[in-house]
Amino acid sequence: MGTRATHSVRLGLCVMPHQEAVLRRAAEITDKSVADFILDSAYQAAEQTILDQNLFIGSESQFQEFLELLDRPAQDNPWLRDLFSRPVPWDG
């Protein structure tokens, strides 16, 4: 397998002043530059997003059990019914 050339690509973004302040503070806390903090955080979020969408690891029997669970009729869940009936905090 050949080696791949590595080089940087510049990405730009605009942020609101309050967002910049939060990013700067978080970078200070983690002893990173703002650019490094943003890159590390964005990269971790991107990896997790991709993994959440594409990767399921299990045996054949676990896959069959998963399919059986999906095929079951929905069951009443009072805890979930209560949870979803509550107002969400971000709606004020």
PDB file of N, CA and C in Angstrom:
ATOM      1  N   MET A   1       0.854  -1.178   0.000  1.00  0.00           N
ATOM      2  CA  MET A   1       0.000   0.000   0.000  1.00  0.00           C
ATOM      3  C   MET A   1       0.896   1.237   0.000  1.00  0.00           C
ATOM      4  N   GLY A   2       0.648   2.161  -0.899  1.00  0.00           N
ATOM      5  CA  GLY A   2       1.459   3.360  -1.003  1.00  0.00           C
ATOM      6  C   GLY A   2       1.141   4.358   0.086  1.00  0.00           C
ATOM      7  N   THR A   3       2.054   5.271   0.281  1.00  0.00           N
ATOM      8  CA  THR A   3       1.814   6.319   1.270  1.00  0.00           C
ATOM      9  C   THR A   3       1.010   7.434   0.633  1.00  0.00           C
ATOM     10  N   ARG A   4       0.189   8.030   1.421  1.00  0.00           N
ATOM     11  CA  ARG A   4      -0.643   9.137   0.951  1.00  0.00           C
ATOM     12  C   ARG A   4       0.018  10.454   1.341  1.00  0.00           C
ATOM     13  N   ALA A   5       0.004  11.384   0.421  1.00  0.00           N
ATOM     14  CA  ALA A   5       0.522  12.715   0.733  1.00  0.00           C
ATOM     15  C   ALA A   5      -0.421  13.376   1.729  1.00  0.00           C
ATOM     16  N   THR A   6       0.134  14.008   2.724  1.00  0.00           N
ATOM     17  CA  THR A   6      -0.689  14.712   3.702  1.00  0.00           C
ATOM     18  C   THR A   6      -0.458  16.198   3.559  1.00  0.00           C
ATOM     19  N   HIS A   7      -1.536  16.914   3.574  1.00  0.00           N
ATOM     20  CA  HIS A   7      -1.458  18.370   3.552  1.00  0.00           C
ATOM     21  C   HIS A   7      -2.713  18.911   4.210  1.00  0.00           C
ATOM     22  N   SER A   8      -2.625  20.134   4.633  1.00  0.00           N
ATOM     23  CA  SER A   8      -3.739  20.761   5.317  1.00  0.00           C
ATOM     24  C   SER A   8      -4.683  21.421   4.333  1.00  0.00           C
ATOM     25  N   VAL A   9      -5.934  21.459   4.699  1.00  0.00           N
ATOM     26  CA  VAL A   9      -6.949  22.176   3.945  1.00  0.00           C
ATOM     27  C   VAL A   9      -7.546  23.205   4.882  1.00  0.00           C
ATOM     28  N   ARG A  10      -7.661  24.419   4.428  1.00  0.00           N
ATOM     29  CA  ARG A  10      -8.196  25.487   5.264  1.00  0.00           C
ATOM     30  C   ARG A  10      -9.726  25.451   5.210  1.00  0.00           C
ATOM     31  N   LEU A  11     -10.343  25.466   6.383  1.00  0.00           N
ATOM     32  CA  LEU A  11     -11.784  25.586   6.506  1.00  0.00           C
ATOM     33  C   LEU A  11     -12.074  26.892   7.239  1.00  0.00           C
ATOM     34  N   GLY A  12     -13.050  27.610   6.802  1.00  0.00           N
ATOM     35  CA  GLY A  12     -13.404  28.857   7.470  1.00  0.00           C
ATOM     36  C   GLY A  12     -14.829  28.784   7.997  1.00  0.00           C
ATOM     37  N   LEU A  13     -15.078  29.511   9.074  1.00  0.00           N
ATOM     38  CA  LEU A  13     -16.431  29.590   9.571  1.00  0.00           C
ATOM     39  C   LEU A  13     -16.634  30.914  10.283  1.00  0.00           C
ATOM     40  N   CYS A  14     -17.864  31.348  10.287  1.00  0.00           N
ATOM     41  CA  CYS A  14     -18.232  32.585  10.986  1.00  0.00           C
ATOM     42  C   CYS A  14     -19.050  32.209  12.203  1.00  0.00           C
ATOM     43  N   VAL A  15     -18.787  32.863  13.315  1.00  0.00           N
ATOM     44  CA  VAL A  15     -19.519  32.592  14.550  1.00  0.00           C
ATOM     45  C   VAL A  15     -20.005  33.901  15.147  1.00  0.00           C
ATOM     46  N   MET A  16     -21.033  33.776  15.938  1.00  0.00           N
ATOM     47  CA  MET A  16     -21.552  34.924  16.668  1.00  0.00           C
ATOM     48  C   MET A  16     -20.611  35.195  17.850  1.00  0.00           C
ATOM     49  N   PRO A  17     -20.572  36.427  18.341  1.00  0.00           N
ATOM     50  CA  PRO A  17     -19.666  36.748  19.454  1.00  0.00           C
ATOM     51  C   PRO A  17     -19.851  35.856  20.684  1.00  0.00           C
ATOM     52  N   HIS A  18     -21.092  35.528  21.026  1.00  0.00           N
ATOM     53  CA  HIS A  18     -21.301  34.675  22.203  1.00  0.00           C
ATOM     54  C   HIS A  18     -20.782  33.260  21.948  1.00  0.00           C
ATOM     55  N   GLN A  19     -20.845  32.792  20.697  1.00  0.00           N
ATOM     56  CA  GLN A  19     -20.304  31.476  20.372  1.00  0.00           C
ATOM     57  C   GLN A  19     -18.779  31.489  20.464  1.00  0.00           C
ATOM     58  N   GLU A  20     -18.177  32.553  19.979  1.00  0.00           N
ATOM     59  CA  GLU A  20     -16.730  32.677  20.068  1.00  0.00           C
ATOM     60  C   GLU A  20     -16.269  32.667  21.523  1.00  0.00           C
ATOM     61  N   ALA A  21     -17.002  33.363  22.375  1.00  0.00           N
ATOM     62  CA  ALA A  21     -16.626  33.418  23.788  1.00  0.00           C
ATOM     63  C   ALA A  21     -16.671  32.028  24.418  1.00  0.00           C
ATOM     64  N   VAL A  22     -17.690  31.264  24.107  1.00  0.00           N
ATOM     65  CA  VAL A  22     -17.807  29.909  24.657  1.00  0.00           C
ATOM     66  C   VAL A  22     -16.687  29.027  24.117  1.00  0.00           C
ATOM     67  N   LEU A  23     -16.423  29.128  22.823  1.00  0.00           N
ATOM     68  CA  LEU A  23     -15.349  28.328  22.233  1.00  0.00           C
ATOM     69  C   LEU A  23     -13.988  28.689  22.820  1.00  0.00           C
ATOM     70  N   ARG A  24     -13.741  29.977  22.998  1.00  0.00           N
ATOM     71  CA  ARG A  24     -12.465  30.397  23.591  1.00  0.00           C
ATOM     72  C   ARG A  24     -12.323  29.874  25.020  1.00  0.00           C
ATOM     73  N   ARG A  25     -13.392  29.964  25.785  1.00  0.00           N
ATOM     74  CA  ARG A  25     -13.349  29.490  27.179  1.00  0.00           C
ATOM     75  C   ARG A  25     -13.099  27.979  27.234  1.00  0.00           C
ATOM     76  N   ALA A  26     -13.796  27.242  26.403  1.00  0.00           N
ATOM     77  CA  ALA A  26     -13.606  25.789  26.378  1.00  0.00           C
ATOM     78  C   ALA A  26     -12.193  25.432  25.937  1.00  0.00           C
ATOM     79  N   ALA A  27     -11.662  26.168  24.969  1.00  0.00           N
ATOM     80  CA  ALA A  27     -10.288  25.925  24.523  1.00  0.00           C
ATOM     81  C   ALA A  27      -9.306  26.181  25.658  1.00  0.00           C
ATOM     82  N   GLU A  28      -9.532  27.259  26.408  1.00  0.00           N
ATOM     83  CA  GLU A  28      -8.660  27.565  27.549  1.00  0.00           C
ATOM     84  C   GLU A  28      -8.705  26.448  28.582  1.00  0.00           C
ATOM     85  N   ILE A  29      -9.911  25.974  28.884  1.00  0.00           N
ATOM     86  CA  ILE A  29     -10.075  24.921  29.892  1.00  0.00           C
ATOM     87  C   ILE A  29      -9.326  23.657  29.491  1.00  0.00           C
ATOM     88  N   THR A  30      -9.349  23.357  28.203  1.00  0.00           N
ATOM     89  CA  THR A  30      -8.690  22.135  27.724  1.00  0.00           C
ATOM     90  C   THR A  30      -7.246  22.365  27.310  1.00  0.00           C
ATOM     91  N   ASP A  31      -6.752  23.581  27.523  1.00  0.00           N
ATOM     92  CA  ASP A  31      -5.373  23.933  27.197  1.00  0.00           C
ATOM     93  C   ASP A  31      -5.062  23.678  25.720  1.00  0.00           C
ATOM     94  N   LYS A  32      -5.999  24.082  24.859  1.00  0.00           N
ATOM     95  CA  LYS A  32      -5.826  23.956  23.414  1.00  0.00           C
ATOM     96  C   LYS A  32      -6.034  25.319  22.775  1.00  0.00           C
ATOM     97  N   SER A  33      -5.545  25.451  21.568  1.00  0.00           N
ATOM     98  CA  SER A  33      -5.884  26.646  20.799  1.00  0.00           C
ATOM     99  C   SER A  33      -7.350  26.526  20.386  1.00  0.00           C
ATOM    100  N   VAL A  34      -7.946  27.642  20.045  1.00  0.00           N
ATOM    101  CA  VAL A  34      -9.344  27.609  19.601  1.00  0.00           C
ATOM    102  C   VAL A  34      -9.471  26.723  18.364  1.00  0.00           C
ATOM    103  N   ALA A  35      -8.549  26.857  17.433  1.00  0.00           N
ATOM    104  CA  ALA A  35      -8.599  26.041  16.213  1.00  0.00           C
ATOM    105  C   ALA A  35      -8.506  24.554  16.540  1.00  0.00           C
ATOM    106  N   ASP A  36      -7.571  24.191  17.435  1.00  0.00           N
ATOM    107  CA  ASP A  36      -7.441  22.781  17.802  1.00  0.00           C
ATOM    108  C   ASP A  36      -8.681  22.280  18.523  1.00  0.00           C
ATOM    109  N   PHE A  37      -9.240  23.100  19.415  1.00  0.00           N
ATOM    110  CA  PHE A  37     -10.442  22.696  20.130  1.00  0.00           C
ATOM    111  C   PHE A  37     -11.594  22.454  19.154  1.00  0.00           C
ATOM    112  N   ILE A  38     -11.793  23.391  18.231  1.00  0.00           N
ATOM    113  CA  ILE A  38     -12.882  23.258  17.266  1.00  0.00           C
ATOM    114  C   ILE A  38     -12.668  22.034  16.383  1.00  0.00           C
ATOM    115  N   LEU A  39     -11.447  21.853  15.883  1.00  0.00           N
ATOM    116  CA  LEU A  39     -11.164  20.718  15.021  1.00  0.00           C
ATOM    117  C   LEU A  39     -11.368  19.398  15.752  1.00  0.00           C
ATOM    118  N   ASP A  40     -10.824  19.274  16.965  1.00  0.00           N
ATOM    119  CA  ASP A  40     -10.987  18.038  17.736  1.00  0.00           C
ATOM    120  C   ASP A  40     -12.461  17.750  17.998  1.00  0.00           C
ATOM    121  N   SER A  41     -13.203  18.767  18.420  1.00  0.00           N
ATOM    122  CA  SER A  41     -14.615  18.586  18.741  1.00  0.00           C
ATOM    123  C   SER A  41     -15.434  18.226  17.504  1.00  0.00           C
ATOM    124  N   ALA A  42     -15.185  18.934  16.416  1.00  0.00           N
ATOM    125  CA  ALA A  42     -15.921  18.668  15.179  1.00  0.00           C
ATOM    126  C   ALA A  42     -15.593  17.279  14.639  1.00  0.00           C
ATOM    127  N   TYR A  43     -14.332  16.894  14.721  1.00  0.00           N
ATOM    128  CA  TYR A  43     -13.917  15.589  14.226  1.00  0.00           C
ATOM    129  C   TYR A  43     -14.567  14.462  15.025  1.00  0.00           C
ATOM    130  N   GLN A  44     -14.579  14.601  16.358  1.00  0.00           N
ATOM    131  CA  GLN A  44     -15.227  13.593  17.206  1.00  0.00           C
ATOM    132  C   GLN A  44     -16.720  13.499  16.894  1.00  0.00           C
ATOM    133  N   ALA A  45     -17.374  14.637  16.745  1.00  0.00           N
ATOM    134  CA  ALA A  45     -18.800  14.644  16.428  1.00  0.00           C
ATOM    135  C   ALA A  45     -19.054  14.026  15.060  1.00  0.00           C
ATOM    136  N   ALA A  46     -18.197  14.298  14.098  1.00  0.00           N
ATOM    137  CA  ALA A  46     -18.361  13.734  12.757  1.00  0.00           C
ATOM    138  C   ALA A  46     -18.189  12.220  12.777  1.00  0.00           C
ATOM    139  N   GLU A  47     -17.158  11.748  13.460  1.00  0.00           N
ATOM    140  CA  GLU A  47     -16.959  10.302  13.561  1.00  0.00           C
ATOM    141  C   GLU A  47     -18.155   9.625  14.212  1.00  0.00           C
ATOM    142  N   GLN A  48     -18.651  10.209  15.304  1.00  0.00           N
ATOM    143  CA  GLN A  48     -19.780   9.618  16.009  1.00  0.00           C
ATOM    144  C   GLN A  48     -21.027   9.614  15.138  1.00  0.00           C
ATOM    145  N   THR A  49     -21.257  10.678  14.401  1.00  0.00           N
ATOM    146  CA  THR A  49     -22.407  10.754  13.504  1.00  0.00           C
ATOM    147  C   THR A  49     -22.335   9.660  12.453  1.00  0.00           C
ATOM    148  N   ILE A  50     -21.166   9.477  11.872  1.00  0.00           N
ATOM    149  CA  ILE A  50     -20.998   8.439  10.853  1.00  0.00           C
ATOM    150  C   ILE A  50     -21.198   7.059  11.458  1.00  0.00           C
ATOM    151  N   LEU A  51     -20.592   6.808  12.607  1.00  0.00           N
ATOM    152  CA  LEU A  51     -20.740   5.503  13.248  1.00  0.00           C
ATOM    153  C   LEU A  51     -22.182   5.236  13.656  1.00  0.00           C
ATOM    154  N   ASP A  52     -22.867   6.248  14.133  1.00  0.00           N
ATOM    155  CA  ASP A  52     -24.265   6.076  14.536  1.00  0.00           C
ATOM    156  C   ASP A  52     -25.146   5.683  13.359  1.00  0.00           C
ATOM    157  N   GLN A  53     -24.775   6.078  12.171  1.00  0.00           N
ATOM    158  CA  GLN A  53     -25.597   5.816  10.998  1.00  0.00           C
ATOM    159  C   GLN A  53     -25.230   4.533  10.273  1.00  0.00           C
ATOM    160  N   ASN A  54     -24.016   4.059  10.422  1.00  0.00           N
ATOM    161  CA  ASN A  54     -23.547   3.011   9.532  1.00  0.00           C
ATOM    162  C   ASN A  54     -23.026   1.733  10.178  1.00  0.00           C
ATOM    163  N   LEU A  55     -22.773   1.717  11.454  1.00  0.00           N
ATOM    164  CA  LEU A  55     -22.061   0.581  12.009  1.00  0.00           C
ATOM    165  C   LEU A  55     -22.883  -0.150  13.065  1.00  0.00           C
ATOM    166  N   PHE A  56     -23.187  -1.403  12.783  1.00  0.00           N
ATOM    167  CA  PHE A  56     -23.832  -2.290  13.736  1.00  0.00           C
ATOM    168  C   PHE A  56     -22.989  -3.552  13.780  1.00  0.00           C
ATOM    169  N   ILE A  57     -22.510  -3.885  14.956  1.00  0.00           N
ATOM    170  CA  ILE A  57     -21.661  -5.061  15.088  1.00  0.00           C
ATOM    171  C   ILE A  57     -22.387  -6.076  15.961  1.00  0.00           C
ATOM    172  N   GLY A  58     -22.488  -7.297  15.460  1.00  0.00           N
ATOM    173  CA  GLY A  58     -23.126  -8.348  16.237  1.00  0.00           C
ATOM    174  C   GLY A  58     -23.045  -9.667  15.497  1.00  0.00           C
ATOM    175  N   SER A  59     -23.373 -10.714  16.216  1.00  0.00           N
ATOM    176  CA  SER A  59     -23.357 -12.048  15.630  1.00  0.00           C
ATOM    177  C   SER A  59     -24.651 -12.269  14.839  1.00  0.00           C
ATOM    178  N   GLU A  60     -24.690 -13.362  14.119  1.00  0.00           N
ATOM    179  CA  GLU A  60     -25.896 -13.715  13.348  1.00  0.00           C
ATOM    180  C   GLU A  60     -27.084 -13.893  14.295  1.00  0.00           C
ATOM    181  N   SER A  61     -26.866 -14.529  15.446  1.00  0.00           N
ATOM    182  CA  SER A  61     -27.974 -14.737  16.386  1.00  0.00           C
ATOM    183  C   SER A  61     -28.450 -13.409  16.974  1.00  0.00           C
ATOM    184  N   GLN A  62     -27.528 -12.480  17.225  1.00  0.00           N
ATOM    185  CA  GLN A  62     -27.931 -11.164  17.718  1.00  0.00           C
ATOM    186  C   GLN A  62     -28.720 -10.408  16.660  1.00  0.00           C
ATOM    187  N   PHE A  63     -28.333 -10.568  15.404  1.00  0.00           N
ATOM    188  CA  PHE A  63     -29.059  -9.916  14.327  1.00  0.00           C
ATOM    189  C   PHE A  63     -30.470 -10.486  14.217  1.00  0.00           C
ATOM    190  N   GLN A  64     -30.608 -11.796  14.333  1.00  0.00           N
ATOM    191  CA  GLN A  64     -31.935 -12.412  14.277  1.00  0.00           C
ATOM    192  C   GLN A  64     -32.800 -11.949  15.440  1.00  0.00           C
ATOM    193  N   GLU A  65     -32.213 -11.852  16.625  1.00  0.00           N
ATOM    194  CA  GLU A  65     -32.949 -11.365  17.790  1.00  0.00           C
ATOM    195  C   GLU A  65     -33.385  -9.919  17.583  1.00  0.00           C
ATOM    196  N   PHE A  66     -32.514  -9.120  17.000  1.00  0.00           N
ATOM    197  CA  PHE A  66     -32.836  -7.734  16.699  1.00  0.00           C
ATOM    198  C   PHE A  66     -34.018  -7.659  15.736  1.00  0.00           C
ATOM    199  N   LEU A  67     -33.997  -8.464  14.688  1.00  0.00           N
ATOM    200  CA  LEU A  67     -35.108  -8.476  13.735  1.00  0.00           C
ATOM    201  C   LEU A  67     -36.410  -8.892  14.403  1.00  0.00           C
ATOM    202  N   GLU A  68     -36.342  -9.877  15.297  1.00  0.00           N
ATOM    203  CA  GLU A  68     -37.550 -10.318  16.017  1.00  0.00           C
ATOM    204  C   GLU A  68     -38.096  -9.194  16.895  1.00  0.00           C
ATOM    205  N   LEU A  69     -37.216  -8.457  17.537  1.00  0.00           N
ATOM    206  CA  LEU A  69     -37.661  -7.329  18.351  1.00  0.00           C
ATOM    207  C   LEU A  69     -38.336  -6.261  17.492  1.00  0.00           C
ATOM    208  N   LEU A  70     -37.786  -6.011  16.312  1.00  0.00           N
ATOM    209  CA  LEU A  70     -38.394  -5.023  15.416  1.00  0.00           C
ATOM    210  C   LEU A  70     -39.762  -5.463  14.925  1.00  0.00           C
ATOM    211  N   ASP A  71     -39.955  -6.765  14.785  1.00  0.00           N
ATOM    212  CA  ASP A  71     -41.219  -7.289  14.277  1.00  0.00           C
ATOM    213  C   ASP A  71     -42.303  -7.381  15.341  1.00  0.00           C
ATOM    214  N   ARG A  72     -41.951  -7.259  16.597  1.00  0.00           N
ATOM    215  CA  ARG A  72     -42.947  -7.340  17.674  1.00  0.00           C
ATOM    216  C   ARG A  72     -43.893  -6.145  17.625  1.00  0.00           C
ATOM    217  N   PRO A  73     -45.140  -6.364  18.022  1.00  0.00           N
ATOM    218  CA  PRO A  73     -46.055  -5.219  18.113  1.00  0.00           C
ATOM    219  C   PRO A  73     -45.591  -4.251  19.207  1.00  0.00           C
ATOM    220  N   ALA A  74     -45.887  -3.001  19.012  1.00  0.00           N
ATOM    221  CA  ALA A  74     -45.519  -1.989  20.011  1.00  0.00           C
ATOM    222  C   ALA A  74     -46.217  -2.289  21.329  1.00  0.00           C
ATOM    223  N   GLN A  75     -45.514  -2.039  22.430  1.00  0.00           N
ATOM    224  CA  GLN A  75     -46.078  -2.240  23.757  1.00  0.00           C
ATOM    225  C   GLN A  75     -46.188  -0.894  24.454  1.00  0.00           C
ATOM    226  N   ASP A  76     -47.198  -0.767  25.286  1.00  0.00           N
ATOM    227  CA  ASP A  76     -47.370   0.464  26.054  1.00  0.00           C
ATOM    228  C   ASP A  76     -46.222   0.588  27.050  1.00  0.00           C
ATOM    229  N   ASN A  77     -45.673   1.772  27.141  1.00  0.00           N
ATOM    230  CA  ASN A  77     -44.586   2.033  28.071  1.00  0.00           C
ATOM    231  C   ASN A  77     -44.944   3.318  28.826  1.00  0.00           C
ATOM    232  N   PRO A  78     -45.494   3.187  30.039  1.00  0.00           N
ATOM    233  CA  PRO A  78     -45.931   4.375  30.785  1.00  0.00           C
ATOM    234  C   PRO A  78     -44.811   5.376  31.025  1.00  0.00           C
ATOM    235  N   TRP A  79     -43.589   4.902  31.254  1.00  0.00           N
ATOM    236  CA  TRP A  79     -42.473   5.807  31.491  1.00  0.00           C
ATOM    237  C   TRP A  79     -42.216   6.664  30.262  1.00  0.00           C
ATOM    238  N   LEU A  80     -42.171   6.037  29.082  1.00  0.00           N
ATOM    239  CA  LEU A  80     -41.951   6.808  27.865  1.00  0.00           C
ATOM    240  C   LEU A  80     -43.123   7.736  27.558  1.00  0.00           C
ATOM    241  N   ARG A  81     -44.340   7.256  27.790  1.00  0.00           N
ATOM    242  CA  ARG A  81     -45.518   8.100  27.564  1.00  0.00           C
ATOM    243  C   ARG A  81     -45.426   9.351  28.428  1.00  0.00           C
ATOM    244  N   ASP A  82     -45.045   9.189  29.692  1.00  0.00           N
ATOM    245  CA  ASP A  82     -44.884  10.327  30.597  1.00  0.00           C
ATOM    246  C   ASP A  82     -43.761  11.254  30.131  1.00  0.00           C
ATOM    247  N   LEU A  83     -42.635  10.664  29.758  1.00  0.00           N
ATOM    248  CA  LEU A  83     -41.499  11.455  29.303  1.00  0.00           C
ATOM    249  C   LEU A  83     -41.861  12.316  28.095  1.00  0.00           C
ATOM    250  N   PHE A  84     -42.509  11.724  27.111  1.00  0.00           N
ATOM    251  CA  PHE A  84     -42.826  12.457  25.891  1.00  0.00           C
ATOM    252  C   PHE A  84     -43.999  13.414  26.050  1.00  0.00           C
ATOM    253  N   SER A  85     -44.692  13.331  27.156  1.00  0.00           N
ATOM    254  CA  SER A  85     -45.794  14.276  27.391  1.00  0.00           C
ATOM    255  C   SER A  85     -45.313  15.553  28.065  1.00  0.00           C
ATOM    256  N   ARG A  86     -44.087  15.554  28.547  1.00  0.00           N
ATOM    257  CA  ARG A  86     -43.529  16.737  29.220  1.00  0.00           C
ATOM    258  C   ARG A  86     -43.058  17.775  28.193  1.00  0.00           C
ATOM    259  N   PRO A  87     -43.162  19.056  28.555  1.00  0.00           N
ATOM    260  CA  PRO A  87     -42.627  20.089  27.644  1.00  0.00           C
ATOM    261  C   PRO A  87     -41.095  19.982  27.584  1.00  0.00           C
ATOM    262  N   VAL A  88     -40.548  20.272  26.438  1.00  0.00           N
ATOM    263  CA  VAL A  88     -39.092  20.230  26.300  1.00  0.00           C
ATOM    264  C   VAL A  88     -38.494  21.525  26.813  1.00  0.00           C
ATOM    265  N   PRO A  89     -37.341  21.462  27.484  1.00  0.00           N
ATOM    266  CA  PRO A  89     -36.773  22.658  28.107  1.00  0.00           C
ATOM    267  C   PRO A  89     -36.393  23.758  27.124  1.00  0.00           C
ATOM    268  N   TRP A  90     -36.052  23.403  25.894  1.00  0.00           N
ATOM    269  CA  TRP A  90     -35.615  24.420  24.951  1.00  0.00           C
ATOM    270  C   TRP A  90     -36.766  25.201  24.327  1.00  0.00           C
ATOM    271  N   ASP A  91     -38.008  24.782  24.588  1.00  0.00           N
ATOM    272  CA  ASP A  91     -39.168  25.539  24.095  1.00  0.00           C
ATOM    273  C   ASP A  91     -39.613  26.595  25.092  1.00  0.00           C
ATOM    274  N   GLY A  92     -38.905  26.704  26.193  1.00  0.00           N
ATOM    275  CA  GLY A  92     -39.178  27.754  27.166  1.00  0.00           C
ATOM    276  C   GLY A  92     -40.192  27.343  28.101  1.00  0.00           C
TER     277      GLY A  92
END
